[in-house]
Amino acid sequence: MSQTRGRYDFCIGLVLAMSSSIFIGGSFILKKKGLLRLARKGSMRAGQGGHAYLKEWLWWAGLLSMGAGEVANFAAYAFAPATLVTPLGALSVLVSAILSSFFLNEKLNLHGKIGCLLSILGSTVMVIHAPQEEEVETLDEMSHKLGDPGFVVFATLVVIVSLILICVVGPRHGQTNILVYITICSVIGALSVSCVKGLGIAIKELFAGKPVLKHPLSWILLLSLTVCVSTQINYLNRALDIFNTSIVTPIYYVIFTTSVLTCSAILFKEWQHMAADDIIGTFSGFLTIIMGIFLLHAFKDVNFTLANLPLSLRKDDRAANGTLLSTYDSFNDDEESSACLGEMQSTENLSARRNGSLSAF
């Protein structure tokens, strides 16, 4: 019965995580459409300090869609392992990229399409091999998990590393090194996911009629989540303000997801109950998603499609068949061009001397 219940919760968490990605990915498109409509009307744009978007229903629809996605993502942690929910957040990037190509006329090049395909395949592999974490159904069990010596050491290290980065490294290298602010967001994000997991359990107990509000852990988790999320937002905004978004997004995804997987493994010890093929499958799926996100972002400004592929191959074949000749010809061309240029310069200097121009010297 408990195994059937666990499978049922897993499916609910999976559906909620995928729904969250769809809502969040779609919210960017709705907001962008609303802002473009305002730009066509001649209203002051948001980047110039305008607030006309508050009167645009498409922008509000995007905001509500993002809110629904965050609520679904929050609820997913109460049913499914964090090792599954967190990597599936990459699907929101894919949904946004695909929808933008249809509704915003933003072309998705060949690299982007391959990246989308790889991310979908990686997500599928992770779902198939997702770990079944230990049963944690009450706040008392969650309190016992949080008091485990392994997690206490991990959380202490996270806090110490974060304080060093914030107080020492950040002021010196934060403006020049992209990893400083992103690392702060990522390692603290691992603790925030643990808090979300605990609060999800608390909400489930609250609906079951248990006195959750009298349990001190509920308020500790809520306070910790507020501090962690505030810090994440602060330093993520700093990273986005200084560095290119196309670089920040994939790096943040990789480091954040890695931190969450590590924290989840220490807190719930889910890897101890996994077979070797499931562990390999989980890591393979995660690495495949990383490759897909990298292709999607790193080459998004490169105008390369399947139509360009035959032309590139012809160029490669031509270079392979006549490398020496092409090099020799280009050398001769450069030599002749240099000789002509030298003659022209000599003629100009001679004319300048005849006319008595000092600039020739």
Foldseek 3Di string as FASTA:
>chain_A
DVVVVLVVLAVLLVVLLLLLLLLLLVLVVLLVVLQVVCVVVVADHVVNVDDCSVVGVSNVSSVVSNVSSVVSLLLSLQRHFPLLNLLSNLSSVVNNVVVCVVRVVQDQAPLLVVLSVLLVVLSVLCSVLPFRFDDDQALVSLVVLCPDPLLVVLVVVLVVVLCCLVPPVCVPCVLPDLCSLLLNLQLLLLLLSSLSNSLSSLVVVVVVVDPSVPDVVVVVSVVSNVVSVVSNVVSLVVSVVRDPPLVSVLVSSLSNSVNNVVSSCSRRVRVVPGDPVSVVSSVVSSVSNSSSSCSNRVCSVPRHHPVCVVVVVVVVVVCVVQVPVVVVVVVVVVVVVVVVVVVVLVVVLVVCVVVVHPVSD
